């Protein structure tokens, strides 16, 4: 009977030790493991502006498809910025008008 109790306590101790070790490993992984891998730093990009003259048949979509550079999440975002910079609505352009267009470049221009 005494032997059985000793054996039971040994099993309980082993089980509790294993549970403690597993808990410690899980907590260690959560605390010390980064949430996601970090990407390499992106190259420096500079924002510039240029001016264009609207030609007959131009739309903001056609202009955006020609002049939009990386740095914008969508054509809609680019067109929205063009409208803000030029203080116009998205359908308020006409032939002969000048527009200021933003763009990004990796080159630093002085």
N, C-alpha and C. Protein backbone atom coordinates (compact mmCIF):
# COMPACT_ATOMS: atom_id res chain seq x y z
N UNK A 1 0.82 -1.18 0.00
CA UNK A 1 0.00 0.00 0.00
C UNK A 1 0.87 1.26 0.00
N UNK A 2 1.91 1.24 0.83
CA UNK A 2 2.82 2.35 0.91
C UNK A 2 3.56 2.53 -0.42
N UNK A 3 3.87 1.41 -1.03
CA UNK A 3 4.56 1.42 -2.32
C UNK A 3 3.67 2.05 -3.40
N UNK A 4 2.39 1.76 -3.34
CA UNK A 4 1.43 2.30 -4.30
C UNK A 4 1.34 3.82 -4.17
N UNK A 5 1.30 4.36 -2.92
CA UNK A 5 1.23 5.79 -2.70
C UNK A 5 2.48 6.49 -3.22
N UNK A 6 3.63 5.88 -3.00
CA UNK A 6 4.89 6.45 -3.48
C UNK A 6 4.89 6.50 -5.01
N UNK A 7 4.41 5.44 -5.61
CA UNK A 7 4.33 5.37 -7.07
C UNK A 7 3.35 6.43 -7.60
N UNK A 8 2.21 6.61 -6.96
CA UNK A 8 1.22 7.62 -7.36
C UNK A 8 1.78 9.04 -7.25
N UNK A 9 2.50 9.31 -6.17
CA UNK A 9 3.10 10.63 -5.98
C UNK A 9 4.17 10.90 -7.03
N UNK A 10 4.92 9.87 -7.38
CA UNK A 10 5.95 10.02 -8.41
C UNK A 10 5.29 10.35 -9.76
N UNK A 11 4.19 9.70 -10.08
CA UNK A 11 3.46 9.98 -11.32
C UNK A 11 2.90 11.40 -11.32
N UNK A 12 2.34 11.82 -10.18
CA UNK A 12 1.80 13.17 -10.07
C UNK A 12 2.92 14.21 -10.23
N UNK A 13 4.05 13.96 -9.59
CA UNK A 13 5.18 14.86 -9.69
C UNK A 13 5.67 14.96 -11.14
N UNK A 14 5.75 13.83 -11.82
CA UNK A 14 6.19 13.81 -13.21
C UNK A 14 5.20 14.56 -14.10
N UNK A 15 3.92 14.33 -13.88
CA UNK A 15 2.88 14.99 -14.66
C UNK A 15 2.90 16.50 -14.43
N UNK A 16 2.99 16.91 -13.17
CA UNK A 16 3.04 18.34 -12.86
C UNK A 16 4.30 18.99 -13.41
N UNK A 17 5.40 18.29 -13.35
CA UNK A 17 6.66 18.82 -13.90
C UNK A 17 6.54 19.01 -15.41
N UNK A 18 5.95 18.02 -16.09
CA UNK A 18 5.76 18.11 -17.54
C UNK A 18 4.83 19.28 -17.89
N UNK A 19 3.74 19.44 -17.16
CA UNK A 19 2.81 20.55 -17.40
C UNK A 19 3.50 21.90 -17.17
N UNK A 20 4.28 21.99 -16.10
CA UNK A 20 5.01 23.23 -15.81
C UNK A 20 5.98 23.56 -16.94
N UNK A 21 6.72 22.55 -17.41
CA UNK A 21 7.68 22.75 -18.48
C UNK A 21 6.99 23.19 -19.77
N UNK A 22 5.88 22.54 -20.12
CA UNK A 22 5.14 22.91 -21.34
C UNK A 22 4.62 24.34 -21.23
N UNK A 23 4.10 24.71 -20.08
CA UNK A 23 3.59 26.07 -19.87
C UNK A 23 4.72 27.09 -20.03
N UNK A 24 5.87 26.79 -19.44
CA UNK A 24 7.02 27.69 -19.54
C UNK A 24 7.47 27.85 -20.99
N UNK A 25 7.47 26.78 -21.75
CA UNK A 25 7.87 26.84 -23.16
C UNK A 25 6.88 27.68 -23.96
N UNK A 26 5.59 27.47 -23.75
CA UNK A 26 4.56 28.23 -24.48
C UNK A 26 4.67 29.71 -24.15
N UNK A 27 4.79 30.04 -22.88
CA UNK A 27 4.91 31.45 -22.49
C UNK A 27 6.18 32.06 -23.08
N UNK A 28 7.27 31.31 -23.06
CA UNK A 28 8.52 31.79 -23.64
C UNK A 28 8.39 32.07 -25.13
N UNK A 29 7.69 31.19 -25.84
CA UNK A 29 7.50 31.38 -27.28
C UNK A 29 6.65 32.62 -27.56
N UNK A 30 5.62 32.82 -26.79
CA UNK A 30 4.74 33.97 -27.00
C UNK A 30 5.46 35.27 -26.67
N UNK A 31 6.19 35.30 -25.57
CA UNK A 31 6.84 36.52 -25.12
C UNK A 31 8.06 36.88 -25.97
N UNK A 32 8.86 35.91 -26.31
CA UNK A 32 10.13 36.20 -26.98
C UNK A 32 10.12 36.00 -28.49
N UNK A 33 9.04 35.56 -29.06
CA UNK A 33 8.96 35.36 -30.51
C UNK A 33 8.27 36.57 -31.12
N UNK A 34 8.88 37.19 -32.13
CA UNK A 34 8.22 38.35 -32.75
C UNK A 34 6.91 37.94 -33.41
N UNK A 35 5.97 38.86 -33.46
CA UNK A 35 4.65 38.58 -34.02
C UNK A 35 4.73 38.21 -35.49
N UNK A 36 5.59 38.88 -36.23
CA UNK A 36 5.80 38.55 -37.64
C UNK A 36 7.19 38.98 -38.05
N UNK A 37 7.67 38.40 -39.10
CA UNK A 37 9.00 38.75 -39.57
C UNK A 37 8.98 40.18 -40.10
N UNK A 38 10.02 40.92 -39.82
CA UNK A 38 10.09 42.29 -40.28
C UNK A 38 10.81 42.32 -41.61
N UNK A 39 10.26 43.11 -42.52
CA UNK A 39 10.85 43.24 -43.85
C UNK A 39 12.10 44.10 -43.77
N UNK A 40 12.94 43.93 -44.75
CA UNK A 40 14.13 44.77 -44.84
C UNK A 40 13.69 46.22 -45.04
N UNK A 41 14.44 47.16 -44.53
CA UNK A 41 14.05 48.55 -44.68
C UNK A 41 13.93 48.92 -46.16
N UNK A 42 12.88 49.65 -46.48
CA UNK A 42 12.66 50.07 -47.86
C UNK A 42 13.65 51.19 -48.21
N UNK A 43 13.91 51.32 -49.50
CA UNK A 43 14.77 52.40 -49.94
C UNK A 43 14.07 53.72 -49.66
N UNK A 44 14.85 54.75 -49.45
CA UNK A 44 14.28 56.07 -49.22
C UNK A 44 13.67 56.57 -50.52
N UNK A 45 12.47 57.09 -50.40
CA UNK A 45 11.77 57.62 -51.56
C UNK A 45 11.41 59.08 -51.28
N UNK A 46 11.58 59.92 -52.27
CA UNK A 46 11.32 61.35 -52.12
C UNK A 46 10.08 61.72 -52.93
N UNK A 47 9.29 62.63 -52.38
CA UNK A 47 8.07 63.06 -53.06
C UNK A 47 8.33 64.37 -53.78
N UNK A 48 7.92 64.42 -55.05
CA UNK A 48 8.09 65.60 -55.87
C UNK A 48 6.78 65.94 -56.55
N UNK A 49 6.77 67.08 -57.23
CA UNK A 49 5.60 67.51 -57.98
C UNK A 49 6.04 67.97 -59.36
N UNK A 50 5.20 67.72 -60.33
CA UNK A 50 5.44 68.20 -61.68
C UNK A 50 4.15 68.80 -62.20
N UNK A 51 4.25 69.57 -63.27
CA UNK A 51 3.07 70.21 -63.85
C UNK A 51 2.88 69.68 -65.27
N UNK A 52 1.63 69.40 -65.59
CA UNK A 52 1.30 68.96 -66.95
C UNK A 52 0.14 69.78 -67.46
N UNK A 53 0.02 69.84 -68.78
CA UNK A 53 -1.14 70.50 -69.38
C UNK A 53 -2.11 69.41 -69.85
N UNK A 54 -3.36 69.55 -69.46
CA UNK A 54 -4.39 68.58 -69.81
C UNK A 54 -4.64 68.66 -71.31
N UNK A 55 -4.64 67.52 -71.97
CA UNK A 55 -4.89 67.44 -73.41
C UNK A 55 -6.34 67.02 -73.66
N UNK A 56 -6.81 67.29 -74.84
CA UNK A 56 -8.18 66.90 -75.21
C UNK A 56 -8.34 65.39 -75.04
N UNK A 57 -9.39 64.98 -74.34
CA UNK A 57 -9.66 63.56 -74.12
C UNK A 57 -9.06 63.00 -72.84
N UNK A 58 -8.19 63.78 -72.18
CA UNK A 58 -7.60 63.32 -70.92
C UNK A 58 -8.67 63.21 -69.84
N UNK A 59 -8.49 62.20 -69.00
CA UNK A 59 -9.29 62.05 -67.78
C UNK A 59 -8.31 61.89 -66.63
N UNK A 60 -8.81 62.04 -65.44
CA UNK A 60 -7.91 61.82 -64.30
C UNK A 60 -7.41 60.39 -64.27
N UNK A 61 -8.23 59.45 -64.72
CA UNK A 61 -7.81 58.04 -64.77
C UNK A 61 -6.68 57.85 -65.79
N UNK A 62 -6.81 58.48 -66.96
CA UNK A 62 -5.74 58.31 -67.96
C UNK A 62 -4.46 59.00 -67.51
N UNK A 63 -4.60 60.16 -66.86
CA UNK A 63 -3.44 60.87 -66.34
C UNK A 63 -2.77 60.04 -65.24
N UNK A 64 -3.59 59.48 -64.35
CA UNK A 64 -3.05 58.65 -63.27
C UNK A 64 -2.32 57.43 -63.82
N UNK A 65 -2.87 56.82 -64.86
CA UNK A 65 -2.21 55.62 -65.42
C UNK A 65 -0.86 55.96 -66.03
N UNK A 66 -0.67 57.20 -66.43
CA UNK A 66 0.60 57.63 -67.02
C UNK A 66 1.60 58.08 -65.96
N UNK A 67 1.14 58.80 -64.94
CA UNK A 67 2.04 59.48 -64.02
C UNK A 67 2.14 58.86 -62.62
N UNK A 68 1.25 57.97 -62.26
CA UNK A 68 1.27 57.40 -60.91
C UNK A 68 2.51 56.54 -60.70
N UNK A 69 3.18 56.74 -59.58
CA UNK A 69 4.37 55.96 -59.23
C UNK A 69 4.09 55.11 -58.00
N UNK A 70 5.02 54.23 -57.67
CA UNK A 70 4.89 53.46 -56.43
C UNK A 70 4.80 54.44 -55.27
N UNK A 71 4.12 54.05 -54.25
CA UNK A 71 3.94 54.92 -53.10
C UNK A 71 2.47 55.20 -52.85
N UNK A 72 1.65 54.82 -53.80
CA UNK A 72 0.20 54.98 -53.65
C UNK A 72 -0.42 53.59 -53.62
N UNK A 73 -1.40 53.41 -52.75
CA UNK A 73 -2.03 52.10 -52.61
C UNK A 73 -2.98 51.79 -53.77
N UNK A 74 -3.55 52.84 -54.38
CA UNK A 74 -4.50 52.61 -55.47
C UNK A 74 -4.57 53.84 -56.36
N UNK A 75 -5.13 53.65 -57.54
CA UNK A 75 -5.36 54.76 -58.47
C UNK A 75 -6.30 55.77 -57.82
N UNK A 76 -7.28 55.28 -57.09
CA UNK A 76 -8.23 56.17 -56.42
C UNK A 76 -7.51 57.10 -55.44
N UNK A 77 -6.54 56.55 -54.68
CA UNK A 77 -5.77 57.38 -53.74
C UNK A 77 -4.97 58.45 -54.48
N UNK A 78 -4.39 58.06 -55.61
CA UNK A 78 -3.60 59.01 -56.39
C UNK A 78 -4.49 60.12 -56.94
N UNK A 79 -5.63 59.75 -57.51
CA UNK A 79 -6.56 60.74 -58.06
C UNK A 79 -7.06 61.67 -56.94
N UNK A 80 -7.33 61.11 -55.79
CA UNK A 80 -7.78 61.93 -54.66
C UNK A 80 -6.73 62.98 -54.30
N UNK A 81 -5.45 62.58 -54.31
CA UNK A 81 -4.40 63.54 -54.00
C UNK A 81 -4.28 64.60 -55.09
N UNK A 82 -4.41 64.21 -56.35
CA UNK A 82 -4.38 65.20 -57.44
C UNK A 82 -5.49 66.23 -57.22
N UNK A 83 -6.68 65.76 -56.88
CA UNK A 83 -7.81 66.67 -56.66
C UNK A 83 -7.54 67.61 -55.49
N UNK A 84 -6.95 67.09 -54.42
CA UNK A 84 -6.65 67.93 -53.26
C UNK A 84 -5.60 68.98 -53.59
N UNK A 85 -4.53 68.55 -54.25
CA UNK A 85 -3.44 69.47 -54.59
C UNK A 85 -3.93 70.58 -55.50
N UNK A 86 -4.80 70.24 -56.45
CA UNK A 86 -5.27 71.21 -57.44
C UNK A 86 -6.61 71.86 -57.06
N UNK A 87 -7.16 71.43 -55.94
CA UNK A 87 -8.44 71.96 -55.45
C UNK A 87 -9.53 71.86 -56.50
N UNK A 88 -9.70 70.63 -57.00
CA UNK A 88 -10.73 70.36 -58.01
C UNK A 88 -11.51 69.13 -57.60
N UNK A 89 -12.66 68.91 -58.26
CA UNK A 89 -13.39 67.66 -58.08
C UNK A 89 -12.90 66.69 -59.14
N UNK A 90 -13.25 65.43 -59.00
CA UNK A 90 -12.68 64.42 -59.91
C UNK A 90 -13.18 64.52 -61.35
N UNK A 91 -14.16 65.33 -61.64
CA UNK A 91 -14.62 65.46 -63.02
C UNK A 91 -14.41 66.88 -63.55
N UNK A 92 -13.64 67.67 -62.83
CA UNK A 92 -13.51 69.09 -63.13
C UNK A 92 -12.19 69.41 -63.84
N UNK A 93 -11.88 68.70 -64.93
CA UNK A 93 -10.69 69.04 -65.70
C UNK A 93 -11.10 69.31 -67.14
N UNK A 94 -10.32 70.16 -67.81
CA UNK A 94 -10.62 70.47 -69.21
C UNK A 94 -9.32 70.71 -69.97
N UNK A 95 -9.40 70.57 -71.26
CA UNK A 95 -8.24 70.73 -72.14
C UNK A 95 -7.61 72.11 -71.95
N UNK A 96 -6.28 72.14 -71.88
CA UNK A 96 -5.55 73.39 -71.72
C UNK A 96 -5.23 73.72 -70.27
N UNK A 97 -5.93 73.10 -69.36
CA UNK A 97 -5.72 73.34 -67.93
C UNK A 97 -4.39 72.74 -67.50
N UNK A 98 -3.74 73.36 -66.53
CA UNK A 98 -2.51 72.81 -65.96
C UNK A 98 -2.83 72.14 -64.64
N UNK A 99 -2.24 70.98 -64.41
CA UNK A 99 -2.41 70.25 -63.16
C UNK A 99 -1.05 70.00 -62.54
N UNK A 100 -1.00 70.09 -61.23
CA UNK A 100 0.19 69.72 -60.48
C UNK A 100 0.00 68.27 -60.06
N UNK A 101 0.99 67.43 -60.41
CA UNK A 101 0.92 66.00 -60.12
C UNK A 101 2.03 65.58 -59.17
N UNK A 102 1.69 64.84 -58.13
CA UNK A 102 2.72 64.31 -57.23
C UNK A 102 3.33 63.04 -57.83
N UNK A 103 4.58 62.78 -57.46
CA UNK A 103 5.21 61.51 -57.83
C UNK A 103 6.34 61.23 -56.86
N UNK A 104 6.73 59.98 -56.77
CA UNK A 104 7.83 59.56 -55.90
C UNK A 104 9.02 59.13 -56.74
N UNK A 105 10.21 59.40 -56.21
CA UNK A 105 11.45 59.00 -56.88
C UNK A 105 12.46 58.58 -55.82
N UNK A 106 13.30 57.61 -56.16
CA UNK A 106 14.37 57.18 -55.26
C UNK A 106 15.55 58.15 -55.32
N UNK A 107 15.56 59.00 -56.34
CA UNK A 107 16.66 59.95 -56.52
C UNK A 107 16.37 61.24 -55.78
N UNK A 108 17.40 61.77 -55.12
CA UNK A 108 17.27 63.05 -54.44
C UNK A 108 17.62 64.13 -55.44
N UNK A 109 16.67 65.01 -55.73
CA UNK A 109 16.89 66.10 -56.67
C UNK A 109 17.06 67.40 -55.91
N UNK A 110 18.07 68.16 -56.27
CA UNK A 110 18.29 69.44 -55.59
C UNK A 110 17.71 70.57 -56.38
